[in-house]
N, C-alpha and C. Protein backbone atom coordinates (compact mmCIF):
# COMPACT_ATOMS: atom_id res chain seq x y z
N GLN A 1 -27.83 -2.03 23.22
CA GLN A 1 -27.77 -0.70 22.58
C GLN A 1 -27.06 -0.80 21.22
N VAL A 2 -27.18 0.25 20.46
CA VAL A 2 -26.56 0.27 19.15
C VAL A 2 -25.08 0.51 19.35
N GLN A 3 -24.29 -0.34 18.59
CA GLN A 3 -22.84 -0.13 18.56
C GLN A 3 -22.37 -0.18 17.15
N LEU A 4 -21.49 0.80 16.80
CA LEU A 4 -20.80 0.80 15.53
C LEU A 4 -19.30 0.85 15.86
N VAL A 5 -18.61 -0.17 15.40
CA VAL A 5 -17.18 -0.27 15.79
C VAL A 5 -16.33 -0.30 14.52
N GLU A 6 -15.57 0.79 14.35
CA GLU A 6 -14.65 0.91 13.22
C GLU A 6 -13.34 0.24 13.46
N SER A 7 -12.75 -0.26 12.38
CA SER A 7 -11.37 -0.85 12.46
C SER A 7 -10.69 -0.68 11.12
N GLY A 8 -9.38 -0.93 11.10
CA GLY A 8 -8.65 -0.91 9.88
C GLY A 8 -7.81 0.32 9.62
N GLY A 9 -7.93 1.31 10.51
CA GLY A 9 -7.13 2.49 10.37
C GLY A 9 -5.65 2.22 10.64
N GLY A 10 -4.81 3.21 10.34
CA GLY A 10 -3.40 3.05 10.61
C GLY A 10 -2.56 4.11 9.89
N LEU A 11 -1.26 3.84 9.80
CA LEU A 11 -0.33 4.69 9.10
C LEU A 11 0.02 4.08 7.79
N VAL A 12 -0.02 4.94 6.72
CA VAL A 12 0.27 4.47 5.39
C VAL A 12 0.97 5.57 4.61
N GLN A 13 1.75 5.19 3.71
CA GLN A 13 2.48 6.22 2.90
C GLN A 13 1.54 6.71 1.78
N ALA A 14 1.81 7.91 1.34
CA ALA A 14 0.99 8.51 0.25
C ALA A 14 1.02 7.54 -0.95
N GLY A 15 -0.14 7.36 -1.59
CA GLY A 15 -0.23 6.47 -2.71
C GLY A 15 -0.71 5.06 -2.28
N GLY A 16 -0.69 4.76 -1.00
CA GLY A 16 -1.06 3.46 -0.49
C GLY A 16 -2.52 3.31 -0.29
N SER A 17 -2.91 2.21 0.25
CA SER A 17 -4.33 1.84 0.43
C SER A 17 -4.60 1.36 1.84
N LEU A 18 -5.82 1.52 2.25
CA LEU A 18 -6.33 1.01 3.54
C LEU A 18 -7.80 0.60 3.29
N ARG A 19 -8.22 -0.35 4.06
CA ARG A 19 -9.65 -0.75 4.06
C ARG A 19 -10.22 -0.64 5.48
N LEU A 20 -11.17 0.23 5.58
CA LEU A 20 -11.80 0.45 6.90
C LEU A 20 -13.07 -0.50 6.93
N SER A 21 -13.33 -1.01 8.10
CA SER A 21 -14.57 -1.80 8.37
C SER A 21 -15.34 -1.16 9.52
N CYS A 22 -16.63 -1.35 9.46
CA CYS A 22 -17.47 -0.86 10.56
C CYS A 22 -18.53 -1.95 10.86
N ALA A 23 -18.40 -2.56 12.01
CA ALA A 23 -19.27 -3.66 12.40
C ALA A 23 -20.44 -3.05 13.26
N ALA A 24 -21.65 -3.39 12.90
CA ALA A 24 -22.81 -2.80 13.56
C ALA A 24 -23.51 -3.96 14.38
N SER A 25 -24.02 -3.51 15.49
CA SER A 25 -24.85 -4.39 16.31
C SER A 25 -25.91 -3.60 17.03
N GLY A 26 -27.01 -4.26 17.47
CA GLY A 26 -28.02 -3.57 18.22
C GLY A 26 -29.04 -2.79 17.35
N LEU A 27 -28.92 -2.95 16.04
CA LEU A 27 -29.90 -2.30 15.10
C LEU A 27 -30.11 -3.24 13.94
N THR A 28 -31.24 -3.03 13.24
CA THR A 28 -31.47 -3.80 12.05
C THR A 28 -30.62 -3.22 10.93
N PHE A 29 -29.54 -3.79 10.70
CA PHE A 29 -28.51 -3.17 9.80
C PHE A 29 -29.04 -2.92 8.42
N SER A 30 -29.76 -3.86 7.86
CA SER A 30 -30.30 -3.76 6.47
C SER A 30 -31.38 -2.73 6.36
N SER A 31 -31.81 -2.16 7.45
CA SER A 31 -32.83 -1.12 7.42
C SER A 31 -32.25 0.30 7.50
N HIS A 32 -30.92 0.32 7.52
CA HIS A 32 -30.21 1.63 7.67
C HIS A 32 -29.28 1.86 6.54
N ALA A 33 -29.29 3.08 6.01
CA ALA A 33 -28.21 3.53 5.15
C ALA A 33 -27.02 3.81 6.02
N MET A 34 -25.85 3.68 5.47
CA MET A 34 -24.61 3.87 6.21
C MET A 34 -23.71 4.93 5.55
N GLY A 35 -22.97 5.63 6.38
CA GLY A 35 -22.09 6.66 5.89
C GLY A 35 -20.72 6.63 6.54
N TRP A 36 -19.79 7.17 5.85
CA TRP A 36 -18.49 7.40 6.45
C TRP A 36 -18.20 8.93 6.45
N PHE A 37 -17.68 9.38 7.53
CA PHE A 37 -17.32 10.83 7.68
C PHE A 37 -15.87 10.86 8.21
N ARG A 38 -15.28 12.00 8.18
CA ARG A 38 -13.95 12.12 8.70
C ARG A 38 -13.75 13.54 9.29
N GLN A 39 -12.84 13.57 10.26
CA GLN A 39 -12.55 14.83 10.92
C GLN A 39 -11.03 14.99 11.13
N ALA A 40 -10.47 15.98 10.48
CA ALA A 40 -9.10 16.30 10.63
C ALA A 40 -8.88 17.28 11.79
N PRO A 41 -7.69 17.29 12.40
CA PRO A 41 -7.45 18.21 13.47
C PRO A 41 -7.81 19.69 13.14
N GLY A 42 -8.57 20.30 13.95
CA GLY A 42 -8.89 21.69 13.79
C GLY A 42 -9.96 21.92 12.67
N LYS A 43 -10.52 20.89 12.12
CA LYS A 43 -11.55 21.03 11.11
C LYS A 43 -12.85 20.36 11.54
N GLU A 44 -13.91 20.75 10.86
CA GLU A 44 -15.22 20.18 11.11
C GLU A 44 -15.28 18.78 10.51
N ARG A 45 -16.19 18.00 11.06
CA ARG A 45 -16.41 16.69 10.55
C ARG A 45 -17.03 16.83 9.15
N GLU A 46 -16.58 16.00 8.16
CA GLU A 46 -17.10 16.11 6.83
C GLU A 46 -17.53 14.81 6.23
N PHE A 47 -18.50 14.90 5.31
CA PHE A 47 -18.95 13.69 4.62
C PHE A 47 -17.89 13.10 3.71
N VAL A 48 -17.84 11.77 3.71
CA VAL A 48 -16.93 11.09 2.78
C VAL A 48 -17.68 10.25 1.79
N ALA A 49 -18.57 9.35 2.29
CA ALA A 49 -19.23 8.41 1.42
C ALA A 49 -20.47 7.89 2.12
N ALA A 50 -21.47 7.47 1.35
CA ALA A 50 -22.67 6.89 1.88
C ALA A 50 -23.18 5.82 0.96
N ILE A 51 -23.94 4.86 1.54
CA ILE A 51 -24.48 3.76 0.76
C ILE A 51 -25.89 3.51 1.30
N ASN A 52 -26.80 3.13 0.33
CA ASN A 52 -28.16 2.89 0.78
C ASN A 52 -28.31 1.50 1.38
N ARG A 53 -29.56 1.20 1.74
CA ARG A 53 -29.77 -0.01 2.54
C ARG A 53 -29.40 -1.30 1.83
N SER A 54 -29.66 -1.30 0.56
CA SER A 54 -29.35 -2.56 -0.22
C SER A 54 -27.92 -2.54 -0.79
N GLY A 55 -27.31 -1.39 -0.84
CA GLY A 55 -25.98 -1.27 -1.46
C GLY A 55 -26.02 -0.95 -2.90
N SER A 56 -27.18 -0.63 -3.44
CA SER A 56 -27.31 -0.34 -4.87
C SER A 56 -26.99 1.11 -5.20
N ILE A 57 -27.00 1.99 -4.21
CA ILE A 57 -26.77 3.42 -4.48
C ILE A 57 -25.61 3.88 -3.52
N THR A 58 -24.68 4.62 -4.07
CA THR A 58 -23.58 5.15 -3.34
C THR A 58 -23.43 6.65 -3.68
N ARG A 59 -22.86 7.37 -2.72
CA ARG A 59 -22.54 8.78 -2.94
C ARG A 59 -21.16 9.08 -2.35
N TYR A 60 -20.41 9.98 -2.93
CA TYR A 60 -19.12 10.30 -2.50
C TYR A 60 -18.89 11.82 -2.55
N SER A 61 -18.01 12.26 -1.66
CA SER A 61 -17.58 13.66 -1.74
C SER A 61 -16.66 13.80 -2.97
N ASP A 62 -16.60 14.98 -3.46
CA ASP A 62 -15.72 15.20 -4.61
C ASP A 62 -14.23 14.88 -4.33
N SER A 63 -13.86 15.12 -3.08
CA SER A 63 -12.45 14.95 -2.72
C SER A 63 -12.01 13.46 -2.76
N VAL A 64 -12.94 12.53 -2.69
CA VAL A 64 -12.58 11.10 -2.63
C VAL A 64 -13.10 10.32 -3.82
N LYS A 65 -13.93 10.95 -4.61
CA LYS A 65 -14.53 10.27 -5.79
C LYS A 65 -13.45 9.68 -6.67
N GLY A 66 -13.58 8.45 -7.04
CA GLY A 66 -12.65 7.79 -7.90
C GLY A 66 -11.48 7.15 -7.15
N ARG A 67 -11.38 7.45 -5.88
CA ARG A 67 -10.29 6.82 -5.03
C ARG A 67 -10.83 5.90 -3.97
N PHE A 68 -11.97 6.30 -3.41
CA PHE A 68 -12.56 5.49 -2.28
C PHE A 68 -13.80 4.79 -2.83
N THR A 69 -14.07 3.61 -2.24
CA THR A 69 -15.25 2.81 -2.56
C THR A 69 -15.93 2.37 -1.27
N ILE A 70 -17.20 2.68 -1.14
CA ILE A 70 -17.97 2.20 0.01
C ILE A 70 -18.80 0.99 -0.42
N SER A 71 -18.89 0.03 0.41
CA SER A 71 -19.64 -1.19 0.18
C SER A 71 -20.16 -1.73 1.49
N ARG A 72 -21.10 -2.68 1.40
CA ARG A 72 -21.66 -3.26 2.63
C ARG A 72 -21.96 -4.76 2.40
N ASP A 73 -21.95 -5.45 3.52
CA ASP A 73 -22.33 -6.85 3.55
C ASP A 73 -23.43 -6.97 4.63
N ASN A 74 -24.68 -7.03 4.18
CA ASN A 74 -25.78 -7.07 5.13
C ASN A 74 -25.82 -8.37 5.95
N ALA A 75 -25.23 -9.43 5.41
CA ALA A 75 -25.17 -10.71 6.10
C ALA A 75 -24.22 -10.61 7.31
N LYS A 76 -23.24 -9.72 7.17
CA LYS A 76 -22.23 -9.59 8.22
C LYS A 76 -22.43 -8.37 9.05
N ASN A 77 -23.47 -7.58 8.75
CA ASN A 77 -23.75 -6.29 9.44
C ASN A 77 -22.52 -5.37 9.43
N THR A 78 -21.89 -5.29 8.31
CA THR A 78 -20.60 -4.52 8.16
C THR A 78 -20.59 -3.61 6.94
N VAL A 79 -20.08 -2.48 7.09
CA VAL A 79 -19.85 -1.59 6.01
C VAL A 79 -18.40 -1.27 5.88
N TYR A 80 -17.93 -1.16 4.60
CA TYR A 80 -16.48 -1.00 4.34
C TYR A 80 -16.20 0.28 3.66
N LEU A 81 -14.97 0.74 3.76
CA LEU A 81 -14.51 1.88 2.96
C LEU A 81 -13.06 1.51 2.44
N GLN A 82 -13.08 1.24 1.16
CA GLN A 82 -11.79 0.91 0.54
C GLN A 82 -11.16 2.26 0.05
N MET A 83 -9.98 2.53 0.55
CA MET A 83 -9.34 3.78 0.27
C MET A 83 -8.04 3.56 -0.49
N ASN A 84 -7.98 4.00 -1.76
CA ASN A 84 -6.86 3.84 -2.56
C ASN A 84 -6.24 5.19 -2.89
N SER A 85 -4.99 5.21 -3.39
CA SER A 85 -4.31 6.43 -3.77
C SER A 85 -4.42 7.51 -2.68
N LEU A 86 -4.09 7.06 -1.49
CA LEU A 86 -4.27 7.95 -0.34
C LEU A 86 -3.33 9.15 -0.44
N LYS A 87 -3.76 10.30 0.09
CA LYS A 87 -2.99 11.52 0.08
C LYS A 87 -2.82 11.95 1.53
N PRO A 88 -1.86 12.79 1.81
CA PRO A 88 -1.66 13.33 3.13
C PRO A 88 -2.92 14.08 3.64
N GLU A 89 -3.63 14.70 2.72
CA GLU A 89 -4.84 15.43 3.16
C GLU A 89 -6.05 14.50 3.52
N ASP A 90 -5.82 13.20 3.34
CA ASP A 90 -6.84 12.24 3.81
C ASP A 90 -6.67 11.90 5.29
N THR A 91 -5.59 12.39 5.87
CA THR A 91 -5.34 12.13 7.28
C THR A 91 -6.45 12.73 8.18
N ALA A 92 -7.06 11.82 8.98
CA ALA A 92 -8.21 12.26 9.80
C ALA A 92 -8.61 11.07 10.62
N VAL A 93 -9.55 11.30 11.55
CA VAL A 93 -10.27 10.19 12.22
C VAL A 93 -11.50 9.98 11.41
N TYR A 94 -11.68 8.70 11.01
CA TYR A 94 -12.78 8.31 10.19
C TYR A 94 -13.89 7.64 11.08
N TYR A 95 -15.12 8.07 10.82
CA TYR A 95 -16.28 7.58 11.59
C TYR A 95 -17.30 6.96 10.65
N CYS A 96 -17.90 5.87 11.08
CA CYS A 96 -19.06 5.37 10.39
C CYS A 96 -20.33 5.76 11.18
N ALA A 97 -21.42 5.83 10.44
CA ALA A 97 -22.63 6.31 11.00
C ALA A 97 -23.82 5.62 10.27
N ALA A 98 -24.94 5.56 10.98
CA ALA A 98 -26.17 4.92 10.39
C ALA A 98 -27.26 5.96 10.37
N SER A 99 -28.00 5.92 9.28
CA SER A 99 -29.13 6.80 9.04
C SER A 99 -30.35 6.02 8.47
N LYS A 100 -31.48 6.63 8.55
CA LYS A 100 -32.67 5.96 7.97
C LYS A 100 -32.68 5.97 6.44
N GLY A 101 -31.99 6.92 5.88
CA GLY A 101 -31.95 7.00 4.38
C GLY A 101 -30.61 7.52 3.94
N ILE A 102 -30.22 7.22 2.73
CA ILE A 102 -28.91 7.67 2.25
C ILE A 102 -28.92 9.23 2.12
N THR A 103 -27.89 9.85 2.70
CA THR A 103 -27.84 11.26 2.68
C THR A 103 -26.40 11.64 2.99
N ILE A 104 -26.05 12.90 2.60
CA ILE A 104 -24.74 13.43 2.89
C ILE A 104 -24.83 14.30 4.16
N ARG A 105 -26.03 14.57 4.67
CA ARG A 105 -26.25 15.46 5.80
C ARG A 105 -25.88 14.82 7.10
N ILE A 106 -24.90 15.41 7.74
CA ILE A 106 -24.37 14.82 9.01
C ILE A 106 -25.45 14.73 10.05
N LEU A 107 -26.37 15.73 10.11
CA LEU A 107 -27.33 15.70 11.16
C LEU A 107 -28.42 14.65 11.00
N ALA A 108 -28.47 14.03 9.83
CA ALA A 108 -29.45 12.97 9.58
C ALA A 108 -29.00 11.58 10.10
N TYR A 109 -27.79 11.53 10.56
CA TYR A 109 -27.23 10.21 11.04
C TYR A 109 -27.55 10.10 12.55
N ASP A 110 -28.14 8.98 12.92
CA ASP A 110 -28.58 8.77 14.27
C ASP A 110 -27.59 8.14 15.16
N TYR A 111 -26.73 7.27 14.57
CA TYR A 111 -25.80 6.51 15.38
C TYR A 111 -24.40 6.62 14.80
N TRP A 112 -23.47 6.68 15.68
CA TRP A 112 -22.03 6.95 15.32
C TRP A 112 -21.11 5.99 16.03
N GLY A 113 -20.01 5.64 15.34
CA GLY A 113 -18.97 4.91 15.99
C GLY A 113 -18.00 5.86 16.66
N GLN A 114 -16.98 5.25 17.22
CA GLN A 114 -15.95 6.05 17.96
C GLN A 114 -14.81 6.54 17.07
N GLY A 115 -14.76 6.03 15.90
CA GLY A 115 -13.70 6.53 14.99
C GLY A 115 -12.49 5.67 14.94
N THR A 116 -11.78 5.74 13.85
CA THR A 116 -10.47 5.08 13.63
C THR A 116 -9.52 6.05 12.94
N GLN A 117 -8.29 6.13 13.43
CA GLN A 117 -7.36 7.07 12.95
C GLN A 117 -6.71 6.60 11.63
N VAL A 118 -6.67 7.47 10.68
CA VAL A 118 -5.98 7.22 9.40
C VAL A 118 -4.93 8.32 9.23
N THR A 119 -3.68 7.93 9.09
CA THR A 119 -2.58 8.90 8.90
C THR A 119 -1.86 8.50 7.62
N VAL A 120 -1.76 9.52 6.75
CA VAL A 120 -1.08 9.30 5.47
C VAL A 120 0.20 10.19 5.50
N SER A 121 1.34 9.51 5.35
CA SER A 121 2.61 10.28 5.38
C SER A 121 3.06 10.58 3.97
N SER A 122 3.71 11.71 3.82
CA SER A 122 4.15 12.15 2.52
C SER A 122 5.54 11.59 2.15
């Protein structure tokens, strides 16, 4: 079955950096666009970043543009999210997801990981 496993979350001070990874198995990774979403306590899950199948096109939410970078390695079946200049408001559970095409629409994603906690202290 399809598995998406996130890693790399943790506790970091404001202004710091983290790199999240999402390892995929059970699907043809290079045939799927990938996205990162996050959900803070008491809030709805929201789009963070997405990347197309080849890695040539990326999209970001306005709140992370210029600070976060999504990338992928199709040889390793892995997608990454480099997060710099972290803010306390970035605190959330971060999820990776797979879709047939690059999109910001949460309902378009077919497969989801279990999430990794990112906590940014002030």
